[in-house]
Amino acid sequence: MQAKTILIATHNHGKLAEFASLLTPLGYAAISAADLNLLEPEETGATFAQNARLKALAAAQSANLPALADDSGLCVTALGNAPGIFSARYAAGDYPSAFAKIIAAAAAANDFRARFVCALCLAQPDGSTATYIGQADGVIAPAPAGIGGFGYDPIFVPRGHTKTYAELGTLKDKISHRARAFAQIAAALR
C-alpha cells in the first residue's frame, strides 16, 4: 500500500521533520511547500488559527493536494503574551538575542510563566478546512539550554518537566503544543 501524500505548508525544515515523524505511522508521506517551490503567503491573520488557515488553503489550492499548516508561537506572560503570532518575526533570525530579551523581561517582572500555542489547519483543494488548537503551559528557563528542536525550544520548560524542549529529544514530539494539536487531527486523517 502506497502512502498518501500530505503537503506540509512550511519552509521550516524542523517543522517538516516533526510532522513527518507524526504522519508516517498514520500512513502518510509528508512533502513541504519548499519541495514544491510554493510561495509562503503573507500571514495577515490576527490569531494562530487564522494564519494556519491562510497557509493551508494557499498550499492546498496551489498544489491540488491536502495541506497541513501550522501557526505556532511562544506567549510570555511578562510580555503581555508576546511575541505570540509574531514569534518568528520577533526573533528575526536571531534567536539568541530574542532569548536574551525574553529572559530579561521575565526576570524583571519576576514572572516566568509562558505557553506555546499551535493551530493546525488541514485544508483540501476544494477549500474545506478543519482547525485544531494545542497548548503547552510552562515557564521560561533562566538561560537557554539544549541543542535539539528549533526556534524558542532552548528557553521553554514545559509544565511537569525540568528540561527545555531542546533538551527533551523525542519526548518533545509526544508532549508539545504541536503534538497536542496533532492528536486531535490524527483521528480525521485515519
N, C-alpha and C. Protein backbone atom coordinates (compact mmCIF):
# COMPACT_ATOMS: atom_id res chain seq x y z
N MET A 1 0.83 -1.19 0.00
CA MET A 1 0.00 0.00 0.00
C MET A 1 0.87 1.24 0.00
N GLN A 2 0.63 2.13 -0.92
CA GLN A 2 1.43 3.34 -1.04
C GLN A 2 0.90 4.40 -0.07
N ALA A 3 1.82 5.13 0.55
CA ALA A 3 1.43 6.18 1.49
C ALA A 3 0.72 7.31 0.76
N LYS A 4 -0.29 7.87 1.41
CA LYS A 4 -0.95 9.07 0.90
C LYS A 4 -0.04 10.25 1.19
N THR A 5 -0.12 11.26 0.33
CA THR A 5 0.75 12.42 0.50
C THR A 5 -0.02 13.58 1.10
N ILE A 6 0.63 14.21 2.08
CA ILE A 6 0.11 15.45 2.66
C ILE A 6 1.19 16.49 2.49
N LEU A 7 0.78 17.63 1.99
CA LEU A 7 1.69 18.77 1.83
C LEU A 7 1.74 19.52 3.14
N ILE A 8 2.93 19.69 3.66
CA ILE A 8 3.11 20.49 4.87
C ILE A 8 3.46 21.90 4.41
N ALA A 9 2.59 22.83 4.74
CA ALA A 9 2.73 24.20 4.25
C ALA A 9 3.77 24.95 5.07
N THR A 10 5.02 24.58 4.85
CA THR A 10 6.12 25.22 5.57
C THR A 10 7.39 25.19 4.73
N HIS A 11 8.29 26.09 5.05
CA HIS A 11 9.64 26.09 4.51
C HIS A 11 10.62 25.80 5.66
N ASN A 12 10.09 25.51 6.85
CA ASN A 12 10.88 25.26 8.05
C ASN A 12 11.19 23.77 8.13
N HIS A 13 12.46 23.42 8.00
CA HIS A 13 12.87 22.01 8.00
C HIS A 13 12.58 21.32 9.33
N GLY A 14 12.67 22.06 10.44
CA GLY A 14 12.37 21.49 11.75
C GLY A 14 10.91 21.08 11.86
N LYS A 15 10.01 21.95 11.39
CA LYS A 15 8.58 21.62 11.42
C LYS A 15 8.29 20.44 10.49
N LEU A 16 8.89 20.43 9.31
CA LEU A 16 8.66 19.33 8.39
C LEU A 16 9.07 18.00 9.02
N ALA A 17 10.23 17.96 9.64
CA ALA A 17 10.71 16.72 10.28
C ALA A 17 9.77 16.29 11.40
N GLU A 18 9.30 17.25 12.19
CA GLU A 18 8.39 16.93 13.28
C GLU A 18 7.08 16.36 12.74
N PHE A 19 6.53 16.97 11.69
CA PHE A 19 5.29 16.47 11.11
C PHE A 19 5.49 15.12 10.43
N ALA A 20 6.60 14.95 9.76
CA ALA A 20 6.86 13.67 9.09
C ALA A 20 6.87 12.53 10.11
N SER A 21 7.47 12.77 11.28
CA SER A 21 7.51 11.72 12.30
C SER A 21 6.12 11.43 12.86
N LEU A 22 5.23 12.40 12.88
CA LEU A 22 3.87 12.19 13.35
C LEU A 22 2.99 11.53 12.29
N LEU A 23 3.22 11.85 11.01
CA LEU A 23 2.37 11.36 9.92
C LEU A 23 2.72 9.96 9.44
N THR A 24 3.99 9.60 9.48
CA THR A 24 4.42 8.31 8.96
C THR A 24 3.66 7.13 9.57
N PRO A 25 3.48 7.08 10.90
CA PRO A 25 2.74 5.95 11.47
C PRO A 25 1.27 5.90 11.03
N LEU A 26 0.74 7.00 10.51
CA LEU A 26 -0.64 7.03 10.04
C LEU A 26 -0.75 6.69 8.55
N GLY A 27 0.41 6.38 7.92
CA GLY A 27 0.40 6.01 6.52
C GLY A 27 0.47 7.16 5.55
N TYR A 28 1.01 8.29 6.01
CA TYR A 28 1.13 9.48 5.16
C TYR A 28 2.59 9.82 4.92
N ALA A 29 2.86 10.26 3.71
CA ALA A 29 4.18 10.79 3.37
C ALA A 29 4.05 12.31 3.37
N ALA A 30 5.02 12.98 3.95
CA ALA A 30 4.99 14.44 4.03
C ALA A 30 5.96 15.04 3.04
N ILE A 31 5.47 16.04 2.31
CA ILE A 31 6.34 16.86 1.48
C ILE A 31 6.11 18.31 1.91
N SER A 32 7.06 19.15 1.65
CA SER A 32 6.93 20.53 2.11
C SER A 32 6.64 21.50 0.97
N ALA A 33 6.14 22.65 1.34
CA ALA A 33 5.92 23.72 0.38
C ALA A 33 7.24 24.08 -0.30
N ALA A 34 8.33 23.98 0.44
CA ALA A 34 9.65 24.27 -0.14
C ALA A 34 9.99 23.25 -1.23
N ASP A 35 9.63 21.97 -1.00
CA ASP A 35 9.90 20.92 -2.00
C ASP A 35 9.23 21.23 -3.34
N LEU A 36 8.07 21.90 -3.27
CA LEU A 36 7.30 22.21 -4.49
C LEU A 36 7.51 23.66 -4.95
N ASN A 37 8.45 24.35 -4.31
CA ASN A 37 8.74 25.76 -4.63
C ASN A 37 7.51 26.65 -4.54
N LEU A 38 6.65 26.37 -3.55
CA LEU A 38 5.47 27.20 -3.34
C LEU A 38 5.85 28.44 -2.53
N LEU A 39 5.24 29.54 -2.87
CA LEU A 39 5.47 30.76 -2.11
C LEU A 39 4.71 30.69 -0.80
N GLU A 40 5.26 31.32 0.22
CA GLU A 40 4.58 31.41 1.50
C GLU A 40 3.67 32.63 1.49
N PRO A 41 2.39 32.45 1.80
CA PRO A 41 1.51 33.62 1.82
C PRO A 41 1.83 34.52 3.00
N GLU A 42 1.48 35.77 2.89
CA GLU A 42 1.67 36.70 3.99
C GLU A 42 0.72 36.32 5.12
N GLU A 43 1.25 36.30 6.33
CA GLU A 43 0.45 35.96 7.50
C GLU A 43 -0.24 37.23 8.00
N THR A 44 -1.45 37.43 7.55
CA THR A 44 -2.19 38.64 7.90
C THR A 44 -3.27 38.40 8.95
N GLY A 45 -3.40 37.19 9.43
CA GLY A 45 -4.41 36.87 10.43
C GLY A 45 -4.08 37.48 11.78
N ALA A 46 -5.10 37.62 12.61
CA ALA A 46 -4.93 38.17 13.96
C ALA A 46 -4.76 37.08 15.01
N THR A 47 -4.90 35.81 14.58
CA THR A 47 -4.78 34.69 15.51
C THR A 47 -3.94 33.59 14.88
N PHE A 48 -3.49 32.66 15.71
CA PHE A 48 -2.77 31.49 15.20
C PHE A 48 -3.66 30.73 14.22
N ALA A 49 -4.94 30.55 14.57
CA ALA A 49 -5.86 29.79 13.72
C ALA A 49 -6.05 30.45 12.36
N GLN A 50 -6.19 31.76 12.32
CA GLN A 50 -6.37 32.45 11.04
C GLN A 50 -5.14 32.31 10.16
N ASN A 51 -3.95 32.43 10.75
CA ASN A 51 -2.72 32.31 9.96
C ASN A 51 -2.52 30.88 9.46
N ALA A 52 -2.84 29.88 10.28
CA ALA A 52 -2.72 28.50 9.83
C ALA A 52 -3.66 28.24 8.66
N ARG A 53 -4.87 28.77 8.73
CA ARG A 53 -5.84 28.58 7.65
C ARG A 53 -5.36 29.24 6.35
N LEU A 54 -4.83 30.45 6.46
CA LEU A 54 -4.30 31.13 5.27
C LEU A 54 -3.24 30.29 4.57
N LYS A 55 -2.31 29.76 5.35
CA LYS A 55 -1.21 28.97 4.79
C LYS A 55 -1.69 27.65 4.21
N ALA A 56 -2.58 26.97 4.94
CA ALA A 56 -3.06 25.66 4.48
C ALA A 56 -3.86 25.80 3.19
N LEU A 57 -4.75 26.77 3.12
CA LEU A 57 -5.56 26.95 1.91
C LEU A 57 -4.70 27.31 0.71
N ALA A 58 -3.76 28.21 0.91
CA ALA A 58 -2.89 28.61 -0.21
C ALA A 58 -2.12 27.41 -0.74
N ALA A 59 -1.58 26.59 0.15
CA ALA A 59 -0.80 25.42 -0.28
C ALA A 59 -1.69 24.38 -0.95
N ALA A 60 -2.84 24.07 -0.36
CA ALA A 60 -3.73 23.04 -0.91
C ALA A 60 -4.21 23.42 -2.30
N GLN A 61 -4.56 24.68 -2.48
CA GLN A 61 -5.09 25.10 -3.77
C GLN A 61 -3.98 25.26 -4.81
N SER A 62 -2.79 25.65 -4.39
CA SER A 62 -1.67 25.77 -5.34
C SER A 62 -1.19 24.41 -5.84
N ALA A 63 -1.15 23.43 -4.95
CA ALA A 63 -0.59 22.12 -5.30
C ALA A 63 -1.65 21.07 -5.61
N ASN A 64 -2.91 21.40 -5.38
CA ASN A 64 -4.00 20.44 -5.56
C ASN A 64 -3.78 19.17 -4.73
N LEU A 65 -3.36 19.38 -3.50
CA LEU A 65 -3.12 18.31 -2.54
C LEU A 65 -3.69 18.71 -1.18
N PRO A 66 -4.06 17.76 -0.34
CA PRO A 66 -4.40 18.13 1.04
C PRO A 66 -3.17 18.77 1.67
N ALA A 67 -3.38 19.84 2.42
CA ALA A 67 -2.26 20.55 3.03
C ALA A 67 -2.50 20.77 4.51
N LEU A 68 -1.45 20.62 5.26
CA LEU A 68 -1.48 20.83 6.69
C LEU A 68 -0.57 22.01 7.00
N ALA A 69 -1.13 23.01 7.67
CA ALA A 69 -0.33 24.19 8.04
C ALA A 69 -0.39 24.38 9.54
N ASP A 70 0.68 24.90 10.03
CA ASP A 70 0.83 25.17 11.45
C ASP A 70 1.11 26.65 11.61
N ASP A 71 0.51 27.25 12.60
CA ASP A 71 0.97 28.55 13.06
C ASP A 71 1.10 28.40 14.55
N SER A 72 2.27 28.68 15.03
CA SER A 72 2.52 28.48 16.45
C SER A 72 3.45 29.55 16.96
N GLY A 73 3.45 29.70 18.25
CA GLY A 73 4.34 30.69 18.83
C GLY A 73 4.37 30.60 20.33
N LEU A 74 5.27 31.37 20.88
CA LEU A 74 5.51 31.44 22.31
C LEU A 74 4.80 32.66 22.86
N CYS A 75 4.01 32.46 23.89
CA CYS A 75 3.28 33.54 24.56
C CYS A 75 3.84 33.67 25.97
N VAL A 76 4.48 34.80 26.25
CA VAL A 76 5.16 35.02 27.53
C VAL A 76 4.34 35.99 28.36
N THR A 77 3.93 35.57 29.54
CA THR A 77 3.07 36.38 30.40
C THR A 77 3.70 37.75 30.68
N ALA A 78 4.99 37.79 31.00
CA ALA A 78 5.66 39.05 31.32
C ALA A 78 5.69 40.02 30.14
N LEU A 79 5.45 39.53 28.95
CA LEU A 79 5.43 40.38 27.74
C LEU A 79 4.00 40.58 27.25
N GLY A 80 3.01 40.39 28.12
CA GLY A 80 1.62 40.55 27.69
C GLY A 80 1.22 39.54 26.62
N ASN A 81 1.78 38.33 26.73
CA ASN A 81 1.56 37.22 25.79
C ASN A 81 2.26 37.40 24.44
N ALA A 82 3.15 38.35 24.33
CA ALA A 82 4.01 38.46 23.15
C ALA A 82 5.13 37.43 23.32
N PRO A 83 5.83 37.07 22.30
CA PRO A 83 5.67 37.52 20.92
C PRO A 83 4.46 36.94 20.20
N GLY A 84 3.84 35.85 20.73
CA GLY A 84 2.61 35.33 20.16
C GLY A 84 2.69 35.05 18.67
N ILE A 85 1.71 35.59 17.91
CA ILE A 85 1.68 35.31 16.46
C ILE A 85 2.86 35.93 15.74
N PHE A 86 3.60 36.77 16.42
CA PHE A 86 4.77 37.41 15.81
C PHE A 86 6.08 36.75 16.25
N SER A 87 6.02 35.52 16.74
CA SER A 87 7.19 34.85 17.30
C SER A 87 8.37 34.79 16.33
N ALA A 88 8.14 34.39 15.09
CA ALA A 88 9.24 34.28 14.13
C ALA A 88 9.81 35.67 13.81
N ARG A 89 8.93 36.63 13.64
CA ARG A 89 9.38 38.00 13.33
C ARG A 89 10.09 38.63 14.52
N TYR A 90 9.67 38.29 15.73
CA TYR A 90 10.29 38.82 16.95
C TYR A 90 11.76 38.42 16.98
N ALA A 91 12.02 37.19 16.60
CA ALA A 91 13.41 36.70 16.59
C ALA A 91 14.17 37.23 15.39
N ALA A 92 13.48 37.43 14.27
CA ALA A 92 14.09 37.92 13.03
C ALA A 92 15.37 37.15 12.69
N GLY A 93 15.35 35.84 12.92
CA GLY A 93 16.50 35.01 12.59
C GLY A 93 17.61 35.03 13.63
N ASP A 94 17.47 35.87 14.65
CA ASP A 94 18.50 35.98 15.69
C ASP A 94 17.90 35.49 17.01
N TYR A 95 17.77 34.18 17.13
CA TYR A 95 17.14 33.62 18.32
C TYR A 95 17.92 33.91 19.60
N PRO A 96 19.26 33.88 19.61
CA PRO A 96 19.96 34.20 20.86
C PRO A 96 19.59 35.59 21.41
N SER A 97 19.44 36.58 20.55
CA SER A 97 19.03 37.91 21.03
C SER A 97 17.60 37.90 21.54
N ALA A 98 16.72 37.18 20.83
CA ALA A 98 15.33 37.07 21.28
C ALA A 98 15.27 36.36 22.64
N PHE A 99 16.07 35.30 22.80
CA PHE A 99 16.12 34.59 24.08
C PHE A 99 16.48 35.57 25.20
N ALA A 100 17.54 36.36 24.96
CA ALA A 100 18.02 37.30 25.98
C ALA A 100 16.93 38.31 26.35
N LYS A 101 16.21 38.84 25.37
CA LYS A 101 15.14 39.81 25.65
C LYS A 101 14.02 39.17 26.46
N ILE A 102 13.64 37.97 26.09
CA ILE A 102 12.54 37.29 26.79
C ILE A 102 12.94 36.94 28.22
N ILE A 103 14.13 36.41 28.40
CA ILE A 103 14.60 36.05 29.74
C ILE A 103 14.71 37.30 30.60
N ALA A 104 15.22 38.39 30.05
CA ALA A 104 15.34 39.65 30.80
C ALA A 104 13.97 40.18 31.21
N ALA A 105 13.00 40.12 30.32
CA ALA A 105 11.64 40.60 30.63
C ALA A 105 11.01 39.75 31.72
N ALA A 106 11.17 38.44 31.62
CA ALA A 106 10.61 37.54 32.63
C ALA A 106 11.26 37.77 33.99
N ALA A 107 12.58 37.97 34.00
CA ALA A 107 13.29 38.21 35.25
C ALA A 107 12.89 39.56 35.85
N ALA A 108 12.76 40.58 35.02
CA ALA A 108 12.38 41.91 35.52
C ALA A 108 10.98 41.88 36.14
N ALA A 109 10.08 41.12 35.58
CA ALA A 109 8.72 41.02 36.10
C ALA A 109 8.60 39.94 37.17
N ASN A 110 9.67 39.17 37.36
CA ASN A 110 9.65 38.00 38.25
C ASN A 110 8.45 37.10 37.92
N ASP A 111 8.23 36.95 36.63
CA ASP A 111 7.12 36.13 36.14
C ASP A 111 7.61 35.35 34.92
N PHE A 112 7.89 34.08 35.10
CA PHE A 112 8.47 33.26 34.05
C PHE A 112 7.42 32.41 33.32
N ARG A 113 6.14 32.61 33.63
CA ARG A 113 5.09 31.81 33.00
C ARG A 113 5.05 32.06 31.49
N ALA A 114 4.82 30.98 30.76
CA ALA A 114 4.74 31.06 29.30
C ALA A 114 3.93 29.87 28.79
N ARG A 115 3.53 29.98 27.56
CA ARG A 115 2.86 28.84 26.91
C ARG A 115 3.19 28.87 25.44
N PHE A 116 3.27 27.69 24.88
CA PHE A 116 3.38 27.53 23.44
C PHE A 116 1.99 27.19 22.94
N VAL A 117 1.58 27.82 21.85
CA VAL A 117 0.28 27.56 21.24
C VAL A 117 0.53 27.13 19.80
N CYS A 118 -0.26 26.15 19.36
CA CYS A 118 -0.17 25.69 17.98
C CYS A 118 -1.58 25.57 17.41
N ALA A 119 -1.79 26.16 16.26
CA ALA A 119 -3.02 25.95 15.49
C ALA A 119 -2.61 25.15 14.26
N LEU A 120 -3.30 24.03 14.05
CA LEU A 120 -3.08 23.21 12.87
C LEU A 120 -4.33 23.29 12.01
N CYS A 121 -4.14 23.55 10.75
CA CYS A 121 -5.27 23.58 9.83
C CYS A 121 -5.01 22.58 8.71
N LEU A 122 -5.99 21.71 8.49
CA LEU A 122 -5.95 20.77 7.38
C LEU A 122 -6.90 21.31 6.31
N ALA A 123 -6.36 21.63 5.15
CA ALA A 123 -7.15 22.18 4.05
C ALA A 123 -7.16 21.22 2.88
N GLN A 124 -8.29 21.18 2.20
CA GLN A 124 -8.44 20.37 0.99
C GLN A 124 -8.42 21.31 -0.22
N PRO A 125 -8.05 20.80 -1.38
CA PRO A 125 -8.03 21.65 -2.58
C PRO A 125 -9.38 22.31 -2.89
N ASP A 126 -10.48 21.71 -2.41
CA ASP A 126 -11.81 22.30 -2.66
C ASP A 126 -12.12 23.48 -1.74
N GLY A 127 -11.20 23.81 -0.82
CA GLY A 127 -11.39 24.96 0.06
C GLY A 127 -11.91 24.62 1.44
N SER A 128 -12.27 23.36 1.70
CA SER A 128 -12.74 22.99 3.04
C SER A 128 -11.55 22.92 3.99
N THR A 129 -11.80 23.28 5.24
CA THR A 129 -10.73 23.30 6.25
C THR A 129 -11.25 22.80 7.58
N ALA A 130 -10.33 22.34 8.41
CA ALA A 130 -10.60 21.99 9.81
C ALA A 130 -9.38 22.44 10.60
N THR A 131 -9.62 23.12 11.73
CA THR A 131 -8.54 23.67 12.53
C THR A 131 -8.58 23.10 13.94
N TYR A 132 -7.40 22.81 14.48
CA TYR A 132 -7.24 22.21 15.79
C TYR A 132 -6.19 23.00 16.58
N ILE A 133 -6.45 23.22 17.87
CA ILE A 133 -5.56 24.03 18.70
C ILE A 133 -4.94 23.16 19.79
N GLY A 134 -3.63 23.29 19.99
CA GLY A 134 -2.93 22.63 21.08
C GLY A 134 -2.14 23.65 21.87
N GLN A 135 -2.00 23.42 23.15
CA GLN A 135 -1.27 24.36 24.00
C GLN A 135 -0.44 23.58 25.01
N ALA A 136 0.75 24.09 25.29
CA ALA A 136 1.59 23.54 26.34
C ALA A 136 2.00 24.68 27.26
N ASP A 137 1.62 24.56 28.53
CA ASP A 137 1.98 25.56 29.53
C ASP A 137 3.34 25.22 30.11
N GLY A 138 4.03 26.25 30.58
CA GLY A 138 5.33 26.03 31.18
C GLY A 138 5.93 27.33 31.66
N VAL A 139 7.26 27.36 31.68
CA VAL A 139 7.99 28.54 32.13
C VAL A 139 9.18 28.80 31.21
N ILE A 140 9.63 30.03 31.26
CA ILE A 140 10.86 30.42 30.56
C ILE A 140 12.04 29.99 31.42
N ALA A 141 13.00 29.33 30.80
CA ALA A 141 14.21 28.91 31.50
C ALA A 141 15.06 30.14 31.83
N PRO A 142 15.84 30.09 32.90
CA PRO A 142 16.69 31.24 33.23
C PRO A 142 17.84 31.46 32.25
N ALA A 143 18.13 30.43 31.45
CA ALA A 143 19.17 30.52 30.42
C ALA A 143 18.87 29.47 29.36
N PRO A 144 19.23 29.73 28.10
CA PRO A 144 19.00 28.72 27.06
C PRO A 144 19.73 27.43 27.39
N ALA A 145 19.10 26.30 27.06
CA ALA A 145 19.72 25.00 27.32
C ALA A 145 19.27 24.01 26.26
N GLY A 146 20.21 23.20 25.79
CA GLY A 146 19.90 22.14 24.84
C GLY A 146 20.19 22.54 23.41
N ILE A 147 20.36 21.51 22.58
CA ILE A 147 20.69 21.76 21.16
C ILE A 147 19.65 21.17 20.22
N GLY A 148 18.64 20.51 20.77
CA GLY A 148 17.61 19.91 19.92
C GLY A 148 16.53 20.91 19.58
N GLY A 149 15.61 20.46 18.74
CA GLY A 149 14.47 21.29 18.40
C GLY A 149 14.85 22.46 17.53
N PHE A 150 14.02 23.50 17.62
CA PHE A 150 14.24 24.70 16.81
C PHE A 150 13.51 25.86 17.46
N GLY A 151 13.70 27.06 16.92
CA GLY A 151 13.01 28.24 17.45
C GLY A 151 13.31 28.49 18.91
N TYR A 152 12.25 28.67 19.69
CA TYR A 152 12.37 29.01 21.10
C TYR A 152 12.54 27.79 22.02
N ASP A 153 12.72 26.61 21.46
CA ASP A 153 12.82 25.39 22.26
C ASP A 153 13.87 25.47 23.38
N PRO A 154 15.03 26.14 23.18
CA PRO A 154 16.02 26.17 24.26
C PRO A 154 15.63 26.98 25.49
N ILE A 155 14.54 27.77 25.43
CA ILE A 155 14.18 28.56 26.62
C ILE A 155 12.82 28.19 27.20
N PHE A 156 12.17 27.15 26.68
CA PHE A 156 10.85 26.78 27.19
C PHE A 156 10.90 25.46 27.93
N VAL A 157 10.47 25.48 29.20
CA VAL A 157 10.39 24.27 30.02
C VAL A 157 8.91 23.96 30.21
N PRO A 158 8.42 22.85 29.63
CA PRO A 158 7.00 22.52 29.77
C PRO A 158 6.66 22.08 31.20
N ARG A 159 5.43 22.38 31.59
CA ARG A 159 4.95 22.02 32.93
C ARG A 159 5.15 20.52 33.16
N GLY A 160 5.65 20.21 34.37
CA GLY A 160 5.88 18.82 34.73
C GLY A 160 7.26 18.31 34.36
N HIS A 161 8.08 19.18 33.78
CA HIS A 161 9.42 18.79 33.35
C HIS A 161 10.44 19.78 33.90
N THR A 162 11.70 19.38 33.92
CA THR A 162 12.77 20.25 34.40
C THR A 162 13.74 20.62 33.28
N LYS A 163 13.50 20.08 32.10
CA LYS A 163 14.37 20.35 30.95
C LYS A 163 13.58 21.12 29.90
N THR A 164 14.34 21.86 29.07
CA THR A 164 13.72 22.61 27.98
C THR A 164 13.30 21.66 26.86
N TYR A 165 12.42 22.16 25.99
CA TYR A 165 12.07 21.38 24.80
C TYR A 165 13.33 20.93 24.07
N ALA A 166 14.34 21.80 24.01
CA ALA A 166 15.56 21.49 23.26
C ALA A 166 16.37 20.38 23.91
N GLU A 167 16.11 20.10 25.17
CA GLU A 167 16.82 19.03 25.88
C GLU A 167 16.02 17.73 25.92
N LEU A 168 14.75 17.77 25.57
CA LEU A 168 13.88 16.61 25.74
C LEU A 168 13.95 15.59 24.61
N GLY A 169 14.61 15.92 23.52
CA GLY A 169 14.73 14.97 22.41
C GLY A 169 13.37 14.57 21.87
N THR A 170 13.19 13.28 21.61
CA THR A 170 11.95 12.81 21.01
C THR A 170 10.76 12.90 21.96
N LEU A 171 10.99 13.06 23.25
CA LEU A 171 9.88 13.25 24.18
C LEU A 171 9.11 14.51 23.83
N LYS A 172 9.80 15.53 23.33
CA LYS A 172 9.12 16.77 22.92
C LYS A 172 8.03 16.46 21.90
N ASP A 173 8.32 15.55 20.96
CA ASP A 173 7.34 15.23 19.92
C ASP A 173 6.06 14.62 20.49
N LYS A 174 6.13 14.10 21.71
CA LYS A 174 4.96 13.47 22.32
C LYS A 174 4.17 14.41 23.21
N ILE A 175 4.81 15.48 23.73
CA ILE A 175 4.15 16.34 24.72
C ILE A 175 3.97 17.78 24.27
N SER A 176 4.49 18.14 23.14
CA SER A 176 4.49 19.55 22.72
C SER A 176 3.10 20.05 22.36
N HIS A 177 2.99 21.35 22.24
CA HIS A 177 1.78 22.02 21.76
C HIS A 177 1.37 21.49 20.39
N ARG A 178 2.36 21.24 19.55
CA ARG A 178 2.09 20.71 18.21
C ARG A 178 1.57 19.28 18.29
N ALA A 179 2.15 18.47 19.17
CA ALA A 179 1.68 17.10 19.35
C ALA A 179 0.25 17.08 19.88
N ARG A 180 -0.08 18.02 20.76
CA ARG A 180 -1.43 18.09 21.32
C ARG A 180 -2.44 18.47 20.24
N ALA A 181 -2.08 19.39 19.38
CA ALA A 181 -2.97 19.75 18.27
C ALA A 181 -3.06 18.59 17.28
N PHE A 182 -1.92 17.95 17.05
CA PHE A 182 -1.89 16.84 16.08
C PHE A 182 -2.72 15.65 16.57
N ALA A 183 -2.74 15.41 17.87
CA ALA A 183 -3.53 14.31 18.41
C ALA A 183 -5.00 14.47 18.03
N GLN A 184 -5.45 15.71 17.95
CA GLN A 184 -6.85 15.99 17.59
C GLN A 184 -7.09 15.73 16.10
N ILE A 185 -6.08 15.99 15.28
CA ILE A 185 -6.26 15.85 13.83
C ILE A 185 -6.02 14.40 13.37
N ALA A 186 -5.32 13.60 14.17
CA ALA A 186 -4.96 12.24 13.77
C ALA A 186 -6.20 11.41 13.47
N ALA A 187 -7.25 11.57 14.25
CA ALA A 187 -8.48 10.79 14.02
C ALA A 187 -9.06 11.12 12.66
N ALA A 188 -9.03 12.38 12.26
CA ALA A 188 -9.57 12.78 10.96
C ALA A 188 -8.72 12.19 9.83
N LEU A 189 -7.43 12.08 10.02
CA LEU A 189 -6.56 11.55 8.99
C LEU A 189 -6.70 10.03 8.85
N ARG A 190 -7.09 9.37 9.92
CA ARG A 190 -7.27 7.91 9.85
C ARG A 190 -8.47 7.62 9.01
